[in-house]
Amino acid sequence: MAIPYSEKILKKDLSKNICDKYTVTEFCKKAQIDRGMFYNHYGNMANMFISVVALQVQRTLRSFNGETMNRMFYRMLTQIKDNHIFYYNLLLIGKDTRNFCITLTKELAIAIENYMRPRGAFSVRQIDLVASGVYAIIYNWVIHECKTDIRDIYQCINLLLSHIEKPLRN
């Protein structure tokens, strides 16, 4: 469970300009909570950033009305592109790329597994590898301020996703 409005506060504060610093004190003042509550809940700023992004991935990568996996990922890319300064700041300020990678790769893998489960057999190992590749593509795109055309990023991710939907060989 997140501190109420943490996502909203972060989006408002970190979507305006690229910044290299955002403090717990700033956040707590805007959230109207005491720092002790923040530290008890998150431990540090990087954990809050990871929590917010993981929640967004969970929400974004849900299939709606039989939507394809490719369409879900395109929707996620559009959301990132539309808020690229926010995501760039989270990575820049968070400085915890290892935990970002571990957590978000896991969330991507879970979303892919949830999509694949009703469609029959799949390889968890293959899903984990594809999720790692998707994370790497998105991470590099965000770090480069989403300057590469979204269609090119989508095509790269689509190539990875195509490996999952192929039938398994015995």
N, C-alpha and C. Protein backbone atom coordinates (compact mmCIF):
# COMPACT_ATOMS: atom_id res chain seq x y z
N MET A 1 0.84 -1.18 0.00
CA MET A 1 0.00 0.00 0.00
C MET A 1 0.89 1.25 0.00
N ALA A 2 0.58 2.16 -0.87
CA ALA A 2 1.36 3.38 -0.97
C ALA A 2 0.79 4.46 -0.07
N ILE A 3 1.61 5.42 0.25
CA ILE A 3 1.14 6.59 0.99
C ILE A 3 0.16 7.31 0.06
N PRO A 4 -0.99 7.69 0.56
CA PRO A 4 -2.00 8.33 -0.30
C PRO A 4 -1.41 9.49 -1.11
N TYR A 5 -1.74 9.48 -2.35
CA TYR A 5 -1.37 10.54 -3.29
C TYR A 5 0.11 10.60 -3.63
N SER A 6 0.92 9.62 -3.24
CA SER A 6 2.35 9.69 -3.54
C SER A 6 2.60 9.76 -5.04
N GLU A 7 1.85 8.98 -5.81
CA GLU A 7 2.02 8.99 -7.26
C GLU A 7 1.66 10.35 -7.84
N LYS A 8 0.55 10.89 -7.37
CA LYS A 8 0.08 12.19 -7.87
C LYS A 8 1.07 13.30 -7.53
N ILE A 9 1.58 13.29 -6.32
CA ILE A 9 2.54 14.31 -5.89
C ILE A 9 3.83 14.21 -6.70
N LEU A 10 4.34 12.99 -6.85
CA LEU A 10 5.56 12.81 -7.63
C LEU A 10 5.37 13.25 -9.08
N LYS A 11 4.27 12.86 -9.69
CA LYS A 11 4.03 13.25 -11.08
C LYS A 11 3.99 14.76 -11.23
N LYS A 12 3.33 15.41 -10.29
CA LYS A 12 3.25 16.88 -10.36
C LYS A 12 4.63 17.51 -10.20
N ASP A 13 5.39 17.03 -9.25
CA ASP A 13 6.69 17.64 -8.95
C ASP A 13 7.78 17.27 -9.96
N LEU A 14 7.74 16.07 -10.50
CA LEU A 14 8.85 15.60 -11.33
C LEU A 14 8.55 15.59 -12.83
N SER A 15 7.44 16.17 -13.24
CA SER A 15 7.09 16.18 -14.66
C SER A 15 7.38 17.51 -15.34
N LYS A 16 7.78 18.49 -14.56
CA LYS A 16 7.97 19.83 -15.12
C LYS A 16 9.33 19.98 -15.80
N ASN A 17 10.39 19.73 -15.05
CA ASN A 17 11.75 19.94 -15.53
C ASN A 17 12.63 18.79 -15.08
N ILE A 18 13.71 18.60 -15.81
CA ILE A 18 14.69 17.60 -15.39
C ILE A 18 15.39 18.15 -14.15
N CYS A 19 15.43 17.33 -13.11
CA CYS A 19 16.08 17.76 -11.87
C CYS A 19 16.97 16.64 -11.36
N ASP A 20 17.94 17.02 -10.55
CA ASP A 20 18.87 16.00 -10.04
C ASP A 20 18.69 15.76 -8.55
N LYS A 21 17.68 16.43 -7.96
CA LYS A 21 17.49 16.27 -6.52
C LYS A 21 16.01 16.43 -6.18
N TYR A 22 15.54 15.53 -5.34
CA TYR A 22 14.19 15.61 -4.78
C TYR A 22 14.29 14.97 -3.42
N THR A 23 13.89 15.68 -2.40
CA THR A 23 14.15 15.21 -1.05
C THR A 23 12.91 14.64 -0.37
N VAL A 24 13.17 13.84 0.63
CA VAL A 24 12.11 13.28 1.46
C VAL A 24 11.34 14.43 2.11
N THR A 25 12.06 15.44 2.55
CA THR A 25 11.44 16.59 3.20
C THR A 25 10.45 17.28 2.26
N GLU A 26 10.86 17.48 1.00
CA GLU A 26 9.96 18.09 0.01
C GLU A 26 8.70 17.26 -0.16
N PHE A 27 8.90 15.96 -0.33
CA PHE A 27 7.77 15.07 -0.54
C PHE A 27 6.83 15.08 0.67
N CYS A 28 7.40 14.92 1.85
CA CYS A 28 6.58 14.85 3.08
C CYS A 28 5.78 16.13 3.30
N LYS A 29 6.39 17.26 2.99
CA LYS A 29 5.69 18.53 3.13
C LYS A 29 4.48 18.57 2.20
N LYS A 30 4.65 18.17 0.96
CA LYS A 30 3.55 18.19 0.00
C LYS A 30 2.50 17.12 0.29
N ALA A 31 2.94 15.98 0.82
CA ALA A 31 2.02 14.89 1.16
C ALA A 31 1.37 15.10 2.53
N GLN A 32 1.86 16.08 3.23
CA GLN A 32 1.39 16.40 4.58
C GLN A 32 1.48 15.19 5.52
N ILE A 33 2.66 14.57 5.47
CA ILE A 33 2.93 13.45 6.38
C ILE A 33 4.25 13.71 7.08
N ASP A 34 4.47 13.00 8.13
CA ASP A 34 5.74 13.17 8.85
C ASP A 34 6.79 12.22 8.27
N ARG A 35 8.02 12.64 8.37
CA ARG A 35 9.12 11.88 7.77
C ARG A 35 9.22 10.46 8.32
N GLY A 36 8.89 10.30 9.59
CA GLY A 36 8.92 8.97 10.20
C GLY A 36 7.99 8.01 9.48
N MET A 37 6.81 8.49 9.12
CA MET A 37 5.85 7.67 8.38
C MET A 37 6.42 7.28 7.02
N PHE A 38 7.05 8.25 6.37
CA PHE A 38 7.67 7.98 5.07
C PHE A 38 8.73 6.88 5.19
N TYR A 39 9.65 7.05 6.15
CA TYR A 39 10.73 6.08 6.30
C TYR A 39 10.22 4.71 6.75
N ASN A 40 9.19 4.67 7.56
CA ASN A 40 8.61 3.39 7.97
C ASN A 40 7.99 2.67 6.78
N HIS A 41 7.41 3.43 5.89
CA HIS A 41 6.71 2.83 4.75
C HIS A 41 7.66 2.47 3.60
N TYR A 42 8.52 3.41 3.22
CA TYR A 42 9.37 3.21 2.04
C TYR A 42 10.84 2.92 2.36
N GLY A 43 11.34 3.48 3.41
CA GLY A 43 12.76 3.29 3.73
C GLY A 43 13.64 4.35 3.10
N ASN A 44 13.41 4.65 1.84
CA ASN A 44 14.16 5.70 1.15
C ASN A 44 13.42 6.15 -0.10
N MET A 45 13.92 7.18 -0.72
CA MET A 45 13.27 7.77 -1.89
C MET A 45 13.26 6.80 -3.07
N ALA A 46 14.35 6.07 -3.28
CA ALA A 46 14.42 5.13 -4.40
C ALA A 46 13.33 4.07 -4.31
N ASN A 47 13.07 3.58 -3.10
CA ASN A 47 12.01 2.58 -2.92
C ASN A 47 10.63 3.15 -3.26
N MET A 48 10.41 4.41 -2.94
CA MET A 48 9.14 5.03 -3.29
C MET A 48 9.01 5.14 -4.81
N PHE A 49 10.08 5.56 -5.47
CA PHE A 49 10.06 5.67 -6.93
C PHE A 49 9.75 4.32 -7.56
N ILE A 50 10.41 3.27 -7.08
CA ILE A 50 10.20 1.93 -7.62
C ILE A 50 8.76 1.50 -7.39
N SER A 51 8.24 1.79 -6.22
CA SER A 51 6.86 1.42 -5.88
C SER A 51 5.87 2.10 -6.82
N VAL A 52 6.07 3.37 -7.09
CA VAL A 52 5.17 4.12 -7.96
C VAL A 52 5.24 3.59 -9.39
N VAL A 53 6.43 3.34 -9.90
CA VAL A 53 6.57 2.84 -11.27
C VAL A 53 6.01 1.43 -11.39
N ALA A 54 6.25 0.59 -10.41
CA ALA A 54 5.71 -0.78 -10.44
C ALA A 54 4.19 -0.75 -10.48
N LEU A 55 3.59 0.13 -9.71
CA LEU A 55 2.14 0.27 -9.70
C LEU A 55 1.63 0.71 -11.08
N GLN A 56 2.34 1.63 -11.71
CA GLN A 56 1.95 2.08 -13.04
C GLN A 56 2.07 0.97 -14.07
N VAL A 57 3.11 0.17 -13.97
CA VAL A 57 3.28 -0.96 -14.90
C VAL A 57 2.13 -1.95 -14.70
N GLN A 58 1.81 -2.25 -13.46
CA GLN A 58 0.71 -3.18 -13.17
C GLN A 58 -0.59 -2.69 -13.78
N ARG A 59 -0.87 -1.40 -13.61
CA ARG A 59 -2.11 -0.84 -14.14
C ARG A 59 -2.12 -0.80 -15.66
N THR A 60 -1.02 -0.43 -16.25
CA THR A 60 -0.95 -0.24 -17.69
C THR A 60 -0.97 -1.56 -18.46
N LEU A 61 -0.32 -2.58 -17.93
CA LEU A 61 -0.22 -3.84 -18.67
C LEU A 61 -1.33 -4.82 -18.28
N ARG A 62 -2.52 -4.33 -18.25
CA ARG A 62 -3.70 -5.18 -18.09
C ARG A 62 -4.42 -5.18 -19.43
N SER A 63 -4.85 -6.33 -19.84
CA SER A 63 -5.56 -6.45 -21.11
C SER A 63 -7.00 -5.96 -20.95
N PHE A 64 -7.43 -5.15 -21.89
CA PHE A 64 -8.80 -4.65 -21.89
C PHE A 64 -9.52 -5.17 -23.14
N ASN A 65 -10.65 -5.80 -22.93
CA ASN A 65 -11.50 -6.27 -24.03
C ASN A 65 -10.74 -7.08 -25.07
N GLY A 66 -9.97 -8.05 -24.62
CA GLY A 66 -9.26 -8.91 -25.55
C GLY A 66 -8.08 -8.24 -26.24
N GLU A 67 -7.61 -7.17 -25.69
CA GLU A 67 -6.48 -6.43 -26.26
C GLU A 67 -5.25 -7.33 -26.36
N THR A 68 -4.49 -7.20 -27.42
CA THR A 68 -3.29 -8.02 -27.59
C THR A 68 -2.17 -7.52 -26.68
N MET A 69 -1.21 -8.37 -26.47
CA MET A 69 -0.05 -8.01 -25.66
C MET A 69 0.70 -6.86 -26.32
N ASN A 70 0.81 -6.90 -27.62
CA ASN A 70 1.50 -5.82 -28.34
C ASN A 70 0.82 -4.48 -28.09
N ARG A 71 -0.49 -4.48 -28.10
CA ARG A 71 -1.25 -3.24 -27.87
C ARG A 71 -1.05 -2.73 -26.44
N MET A 72 -1.00 -3.65 -25.47
CA MET A 72 -0.77 -3.24 -24.07
C MET A 72 0.59 -2.56 -23.95
N PHE A 73 1.60 -3.14 -24.60
CA PHE A 73 2.94 -2.55 -24.52
C PHE A 73 3.00 -1.21 -25.26
N TYR A 74 2.29 -1.10 -26.36
CA TYR A 74 2.27 0.19 -27.07
C TYR A 74 1.62 1.25 -26.19
N ARG A 75 0.55 0.88 -25.49
CA ARG A 75 -0.11 1.80 -24.57
C ARG A 75 0.87 2.24 -23.48
N MET A 76 1.67 1.30 -22.97
CA MET A 76 2.65 1.64 -21.95
C MET A 76 3.71 2.60 -22.51
N LEU A 77 4.19 2.33 -23.72
CA LEU A 77 5.18 3.21 -24.34
C LEU A 77 4.62 4.62 -24.53
N THR A 78 3.36 4.71 -24.92
CA THR A 78 2.73 6.01 -25.09
C THR A 78 2.67 6.76 -23.77
N GLN A 79 2.34 6.05 -22.71
CA GLN A 79 2.29 6.67 -21.39
C GLN A 79 3.69 7.18 -20.99
N ILE A 80 4.70 6.39 -21.24
CA ILE A 80 6.08 6.80 -20.92
C ILE A 80 6.47 8.01 -21.75
N LYS A 81 6.19 7.96 -23.05
CA LYS A 81 6.54 9.07 -23.94
C LYS A 81 5.85 10.36 -23.50
N ASP A 82 4.56 10.25 -23.15
CA ASP A 82 3.80 11.43 -22.74
C ASP A 82 4.31 12.02 -21.42
N ASN A 83 4.97 11.21 -20.60
CA ASN A 83 5.48 11.65 -19.30
C ASN A 83 6.98 11.39 -19.18
N HIS A 84 7.71 11.55 -20.28
CA HIS A 84 9.13 11.15 -20.29
C HIS A 84 9.99 11.89 -19.28
N ILE A 85 9.68 13.14 -18.99
CA ILE A 85 10.48 13.88 -17.99
C ILE A 85 10.29 13.24 -16.61
N PHE A 86 9.08 12.85 -16.29
CA PHE A 86 8.80 12.19 -15.02
C PHE A 86 9.62 10.91 -14.88
N TYR A 87 9.58 10.05 -15.88
CA TYR A 87 10.30 8.78 -15.81
C TYR A 87 11.81 8.99 -15.81
N TYR A 88 12.27 9.95 -16.58
CA TYR A 88 13.69 10.27 -16.60
C TYR A 88 14.14 10.71 -15.21
N ASN A 89 13.38 11.58 -14.58
CA ASN A 89 13.72 12.05 -13.24
C ASN A 89 13.72 10.92 -12.23
N LEU A 90 12.76 10.00 -12.32
CA LEU A 90 12.75 8.88 -11.39
C LEU A 90 14.04 8.07 -11.49
N LEU A 91 14.50 7.82 -12.71
CA LEU A 91 15.74 7.06 -12.89
C LEU A 91 16.96 7.87 -12.46
N LEU A 92 16.96 9.14 -12.79
CA LEU A 92 18.10 10.01 -12.47
C LEU A 92 18.23 10.23 -10.97
N ILE A 93 17.14 10.55 -10.31
CA ILE A 93 17.18 10.85 -8.88
C ILE A 93 17.27 9.57 -8.06
N GLY A 94 16.57 8.53 -8.51
CA GLY A 94 16.52 7.28 -7.74
C GLY A 94 17.89 6.64 -7.55
N LYS A 95 18.73 6.68 -8.55
CA LYS A 95 20.11 6.16 -8.48
C LYS A 95 20.19 4.71 -7.98
N ASP A 96 19.11 3.99 -8.11
CA ASP A 96 19.10 2.60 -7.65
C ASP A 96 18.70 1.72 -8.83
N THR A 97 19.51 1.76 -9.87
CA THR A 97 19.15 1.07 -11.11
C THR A 97 19.02 -0.44 -10.93
N ARG A 98 19.77 -1.01 -10.02
CA ARG A 98 19.69 -2.46 -9.82
C ARG A 98 18.30 -2.86 -9.32
N ASN A 99 17.80 -2.17 -8.30
CA ASN A 99 16.46 -2.49 -7.79
C ASN A 99 15.36 -2.12 -8.77
N PHE A 100 15.55 -1.02 -9.52
CA PHE A 100 14.60 -0.69 -10.58
C PHE A 100 14.52 -1.87 -11.55
N CYS A 101 15.67 -2.35 -11.97
CA CYS A 101 15.73 -3.44 -12.94
C CYS A 101 15.05 -4.69 -12.40
N ILE A 102 15.41 -5.09 -11.21
CA ILE A 102 14.85 -6.31 -10.62
C ILE A 102 13.33 -6.20 -10.49
N THR A 103 12.86 -5.11 -9.90
CA THR A 103 11.43 -4.95 -9.64
C THR A 103 10.63 -4.81 -10.92
N LEU A 104 11.09 -3.97 -11.83
CA LEU A 104 10.31 -3.73 -13.04
C LEU A 104 10.37 -4.89 -14.01
N THR A 105 11.49 -5.59 -14.07
CA THR A 105 11.56 -6.79 -14.90
C THR A 105 10.57 -7.83 -14.38
N LYS A 106 10.50 -7.94 -13.08
CA LYS A 106 9.55 -8.88 -12.46
C LYS A 106 8.11 -8.48 -12.81
N GLU A 107 7.78 -7.21 -12.71
CA GLU A 107 6.43 -6.74 -13.05
C GLU A 107 6.10 -6.98 -14.52
N LEU A 108 7.07 -6.76 -15.40
CA LEU A 108 6.86 -7.03 -16.82
C LEU A 108 6.62 -8.53 -17.05
N ALA A 109 7.40 -9.36 -16.39
CA ALA A 109 7.25 -10.81 -16.53
C ALA A 109 5.89 -11.27 -16.02
N ILE A 110 5.46 -10.73 -14.90
CA ILE A 110 4.14 -11.09 -14.36
C ILE A 110 3.03 -10.70 -15.33
N ALA A 111 3.14 -9.51 -15.91
CA ALA A 111 2.13 -9.06 -16.87
C ALA A 111 2.09 -9.98 -18.10
N ILE A 112 3.26 -10.37 -18.58
CA ILE A 112 3.31 -11.26 -19.74
C ILE A 112 2.74 -12.63 -19.38
N GLU A 113 3.11 -13.15 -18.21
CA GLU A 113 2.58 -14.44 -17.76
C GLU A 113 1.06 -14.40 -17.63
N ASN A 114 0.54 -13.32 -17.06
CA ASN A 114 -0.92 -13.18 -16.91
C ASN A 114 -1.62 -13.18 -18.27
N TYR A 115 -0.97 -12.57 -19.24
CA TYR A 115 -1.53 -12.56 -20.59
C TYR A 115 -1.48 -13.95 -21.21
N MET A 116 -0.38 -14.65 -20.99
CA MET A 116 -0.18 -15.95 -21.64
C MET A 116 -0.94 -17.09 -20.97
N ARG A 117 -1.18 -17.02 -19.69
CA ARG A 117 -1.77 -18.12 -18.93
C ARG A 117 -3.03 -18.70 -19.58
N PRO A 118 -4.01 -17.89 -19.98
CA PRO A 118 -5.21 -18.49 -20.58
C PRO A 118 -4.98 -19.00 -22.01
N ARG A 119 -3.83 -18.73 -22.57
CA ARG A 119 -3.56 -19.11 -23.95
C ARG A 119 -2.81 -20.44 -24.06
N GLY A 120 -2.51 -21.06 -22.95
CA GLY A 120 -1.85 -22.36 -22.99
C GLY A 120 -0.43 -22.33 -22.44
N ALA A 121 0.33 -23.35 -22.80
CA ALA A 121 1.69 -23.53 -22.27
C ALA A 121 2.62 -22.40 -22.70
N PHE A 122 3.54 -22.08 -21.81
CA PHE A 122 4.57 -21.08 -22.11
C PHE A 122 5.79 -21.38 -21.27
N SER A 123 6.90 -20.83 -21.65
CA SER A 123 8.16 -21.03 -20.94
C SER A 123 8.41 -19.84 -20.01
N VAL A 124 8.45 -20.09 -18.71
CA VAL A 124 8.72 -19.03 -17.73
C VAL A 124 10.11 -18.45 -17.97
N ARG A 125 11.06 -19.31 -18.27
CA ARG A 125 12.43 -18.85 -18.54
C ARG A 125 12.45 -17.89 -19.73
N GLN A 126 11.72 -18.24 -20.77
CA GLN A 126 11.66 -17.38 -21.95
C GLN A 126 10.99 -16.04 -21.62
N ILE A 127 9.94 -16.10 -20.83
CA ILE A 127 9.25 -14.86 -20.42
C ILE A 127 10.20 -13.98 -19.61
N ASP A 128 10.96 -14.57 -18.70
CA ASP A 128 11.92 -13.79 -17.91
C ASP A 128 12.96 -13.12 -18.79
N LEU A 129 13.45 -13.85 -19.80
CA LEU A 129 14.44 -13.28 -20.71
C LEU A 129 13.85 -12.15 -21.55
N VAL A 130 12.64 -12.34 -22.04
CA VAL A 130 11.97 -11.30 -22.82
C VAL A 130 11.70 -10.09 -21.94
N ALA A 131 11.23 -10.30 -20.72
CA ALA A 131 10.96 -9.19 -19.81
C ALA A 131 12.25 -8.39 -19.54
N SER A 132 13.37 -9.08 -19.39
CA SER A 132 14.66 -8.40 -19.20
C SER A 132 15.02 -7.56 -20.41
N GLY A 133 14.78 -8.11 -21.59
CA GLY A 133 15.05 -7.37 -22.83
C GLY A 133 14.16 -6.15 -22.98
N VAL A 134 12.88 -6.31 -22.67
CA VAL A 134 11.94 -5.20 -22.75
C VAL A 134 12.36 -4.11 -21.77
N TYR A 135 12.72 -4.50 -20.54
CA TYR A 135 13.17 -3.52 -19.56
C TYR A 135 14.39 -2.74 -20.10
N ALA A 136 15.36 -3.46 -20.65
CA ALA A 136 16.57 -2.81 -21.16
C ALA A 136 16.25 -1.81 -22.26
N ILE A 137 15.35 -2.18 -23.15
CA ILE A 137 14.96 -1.27 -24.24
C ILE A 137 14.31 -0.01 -23.67
N ILE A 138 13.38 -0.20 -22.75
CA ILE A 138 12.67 0.94 -22.18
C ILE A 138 13.60 1.81 -21.33
N TYR A 139 14.45 1.17 -20.54
CA TYR A 139 15.40 1.92 -19.71
C TYR A 139 16.29 2.82 -20.59
N ASN A 140 16.85 2.24 -21.63
CA ASN A 140 17.71 3.03 -22.52
C ASN A 140 16.95 4.13 -23.23
N TRP A 141 15.74 3.86 -23.60
CA TRP A 141 14.90 4.87 -24.25
C TRP A 141 14.65 6.04 -23.30
N VAL A 142 14.31 5.75 -22.06
CA VAL A 142 14.03 6.80 -21.07
C VAL A 142 15.30 7.58 -20.75
N ILE A 143 16.41 6.88 -20.55
CA ILE A 143 17.68 7.55 -20.24
C ILE A 143 18.11 8.50 -21.37
N HIS A 144 17.72 8.16 -22.59
CA HIS A 144 18.02 9.04 -23.73
C HIS A 144 16.85 9.98 -24.02
N GLU A 145 16.04 10.23 -22.98
CA GLU A 145 14.95 11.20 -23.00
C GLU A 145 13.90 10.92 -24.08
N CYS A 146 13.71 9.66 -24.41
CA CYS A 146 12.68 9.20 -25.36
C CYS A 146 12.82 9.88 -26.72
N LYS A 147 14.06 10.13 -27.13
CA LYS A 147 14.31 10.80 -28.41
C LYS A 147 14.09 9.88 -29.61
N THR A 148 14.29 8.59 -29.42
CA THR A 148 14.04 7.64 -30.51
C THR A 148 12.55 7.55 -30.74
N ASP A 149 12.15 7.46 -31.99
CA ASP A 149 10.73 7.39 -32.34
C ASP A 149 10.06 6.21 -31.63
N ILE A 150 8.90 6.44 -31.07
CA ILE A 150 8.17 5.42 -30.33
C ILE A 150 7.91 4.18 -31.19
N ARG A 151 7.72 4.37 -32.49
CA ARG A 151 7.46 3.22 -33.38
C ARG A 151 8.67 2.30 -33.46
N ASP A 152 9.86 2.87 -33.41
CA ASP A 152 11.07 2.04 -33.43
C ASP A 152 11.21 1.25 -32.13
N ILE A 153 10.91 1.88 -31.02
CA ILE A 153 10.96 1.19 -29.72
C ILE A 153 9.91 0.09 -29.70
N TYR A 154 8.73 0.41 -30.17
CA TYR A 154 7.65 -0.57 -30.23
C TYR A 154 8.05 -1.76 -31.09
N GLN A 155 8.67 -1.50 -32.21
CA GLN A 155 9.08 -2.59 -33.11
C GLN A 155 10.11 -3.50 -32.42
N CYS A 156 11.04 -2.94 -31.70
CA CYS A 156 12.03 -3.74 -30.97
C CYS A 156 11.35 -4.62 -29.92
N ILE A 157 10.43 -4.03 -29.18
CA ILE A 157 9.71 -4.80 -28.15
C ILE A 157 8.84 -5.86 -28.81
N ASN A 158 8.20 -5.51 -29.90
CA ASN A 158 7.36 -6.45 -30.62
C ASN A 158 8.16 -7.67 -31.10
N LEU A 159 9.37 -7.45 -31.52
CA LEU A 159 10.24 -8.56 -31.93
C LEU A 159 10.50 -9.50 -30.77
N LEU A 160 10.74 -8.95 -29.60
CA LEU A 160 10.94 -9.78 -28.41
C LEU A 160 9.67 -10.54 -28.04
N LEU A 161 8.55 -9.84 -28.04
CA LEU A 161 7.28 -10.46 -27.66
C LEU A 161 6.89 -11.59 -28.61
N SER A 162 7.30 -11.49 -29.86
CA SER A 162 6.95 -12.52 -30.83
C SER A 162 7.56 -13.87 -30.47
N HIS A 163 8.63 -13.88 -29.71
CA HIS A 163 9.27 -15.13 -29.29
C HIS A 163 8.44 -15.88 -28.26
N ILE A 164 7.60 -15.18 -27.56
CA ILE A 164 6.79 -15.81 -26.52
C ILE A 164 5.56 -16.48 -27.10
N GLU A 165 4.95 -15.85 -28.07
CA GLU A 165 3.68 -16.36 -28.56
C GLU A 165 3.84 -17.51 -29.55
N LYS A 166 5.07 -17.87 -29.89
CA LYS A 166 5.28 -19.04 -30.75
C LYS A 166 5.02 -20.29 -29.94
N PRO A 167 4.48 -21.34 -30.57
CA PRO A 167 4.27 -22.59 -29.83
C PRO A 167 5.59 -23.19 -29.33
N LEU A 168 5.52 -23.81 -28.18
CA LEU A 168 6.70 -24.46 -27.62
C LEU A 168 7.05 -25.71 -28.41
N ARG A 169 8.31 -25.96 -28.61
CA ARG A 169 8.77 -27.19 -29.28
C ARG A 169 9.08 -28.23 -28.24
N ASN A 170 8.78 -29.46 -28.53
CA ASN A 170 9.10 -30.55 -27.60
C ASN A 170 10.43 -31.16 -27.89
